[in-house]
Amino acid sequence: MIKHAQASAAILRAVRHNGSLLVSVADNGIGGAAPRPGSGLAGLADRVDAAGGTLLVRSDAAGTMVTAELAVRPDRAG
C-alpha cells in the first residue's frame, strides 16, 4: 500500500463490536484505490463476501481507508 499510494504512514485497526470484527487499514497517500476487476482489492472483496462480510473502500486525495466487517462467533469460554 505504501509503495503504490506514495503514503508516509498507515494505520491498522481491529476491534470487536456488536458481534462483528471490524478491521481497517488507512493511509495518507494519494488515493485512487478501487476494487476494480482483477485487482487485489477486488480479490479481497470476494474473500470478505464469501465469509459473509462486507468491504468498504474510501479513497480520495486525503488517503485511503479499507474496512472489512466480519461476523464473529460468540466466545465459548465460560
Protein backbone atom coordinates (compact mmCIF):
# COMPACT_ATOMS: atom_id res chain seq x y z
CA MET A 1 0.00 0.00 0.00
CA ILE A 2 2.74 2.47 0.94
CA LYS A 3 4.64 1.81 -2.32
CA HIS A 4 1.75 2.49 -4.71
CA ALA A 5 -0.05 5.14 -2.67
CA GLN A 6 3.03 7.28 -2.01
CA ALA A 7 1.93 7.32 1.64
CA SER A 8 4.18 8.19 4.53
CA ALA A 9 2.07 6.43 7.15
CA ALA A 10 -0.51 3.68 7.54
CA ILE A 11 -2.71 2.68 10.46
CA LEU A 12 -4.19 -0.77 11.12
CA ARG A 13 -7.15 -1.06 13.48
CA ALA A 14 -9.08 -4.16 14.56
CA VAL A 15 -11.98 -4.03 17.01
CA ARG A 16 -14.78 -6.32 18.02
CA HIS A 17 -18.12 -4.51 18.04
CA ASN A 18 -21.71 -5.80 18.31
CA GLY A 19 -20.87 -9.34 17.20
CA SER A 20 -18.62 -8.21 14.36
CA LEU A 21 -14.92 -7.86 13.80
CA LEU A 22 -14.06 -4.56 12.12
CA VAL A 23 -10.64 -4.43 10.50
CA SER A 24 -9.49 -1.24 8.81
CA VAL A 25 -6.32 -0.09 7.13
CA ALA A 26 -5.86 3.60 6.38
CA ASP A 27 -3.05 5.57 4.75
CA ASN A 28 -2.31 9.18 3.90
CA GLY A 29 -1.45 8.51 0.26
CA ILE A 30 -2.69 9.96 -3.00
CA GLY A 31 -5.95 7.97 -3.15
CA GLY A 32 -7.49 6.37 -6.20
CA ALA A 33 -7.85 2.85 -4.80
CA ALA A 34 -10.89 0.91 -6.02
CA PRO A 35 -11.90 -2.77 -6.17
CA ARG A 36 -11.59 -2.99 -9.98
CA PRO A 37 -11.94 -6.41 -11.64
CA GLY A 38 -8.67 -8.28 -11.38
CA SER A 39 -7.25 -6.02 -8.68
CA GLY A 40 -6.09 -7.03 -5.22
CA LEU A 41 -8.97 -5.10 -3.65
CA ALA A 42 -11.48 -6.97 -5.82
CA GLY A 43 -9.97 -10.26 -4.65
CA LEU A 44 -10.16 -9.10 -1.06
CA ALA A 45 -13.79 -8.04 -1.53
CA ASP A 46 -14.57 -11.51 -2.93
CA ARG A 47 -12.99 -13.22 0.09
CA VAL A 48 -14.78 -10.98 2.59
CA ASP A 49 -18.08 -11.56 0.75
CA ALA A 50 -17.52 -15.34 0.79
CA ALA A 51 -17.17 -15.12 4.58
CA GLY A 52 -20.49 -13.27 4.79
CA GLY A 53 -18.90 -9.89 5.43
CA THR A 54 -18.72 -6.54 3.75
CA LEU A 55 -15.83 -4.48 2.44
CA LEU A 56 -15.89 -0.70 2.19
CA VAL A 57 -13.26 1.28 0.30
CA ARG A 58 -12.99 5.05 0.66
CA SER A 59 -10.21 6.63 -1.33
CA ASP A 60 -9.66 10.29 -2.13
CA ALA A 61 -6.93 12.90 -2.11
CA ALA A 62 -6.77 12.69 1.71
CA GLY A 63 -5.87 8.99 1.60
CA THR A 64 -7.46 5.57 1.54
CA MET A 65 -9.34 3.55 4.12
CA VAL A 66 -10.33 -0.07 3.55
CA THR A 67 -12.66 -1.57 6.16
CA ALA A 68 -13.84 -5.17 6.40
CA GLU A 69 -16.72 -6.17 8.67
CA LEU A 70 -16.97 -9.85 9.53
CA ALA A 71 -19.35 -11.68 11.86
CA VAL A 72 -17.66 -13.41 14.79
CA ARG A 73 -18.82 -16.35 16.83
CA PRO A 74 -19.67 -15.78 20.47
CA ASP A 75 -16.90 -16.65 22.91
CA ARG A 76 -17.05 -20.25 24.06
CA ALA A 77 -15.22 -19.55 27.30
CA GLY A 78 -17.44 -19.74 30.35
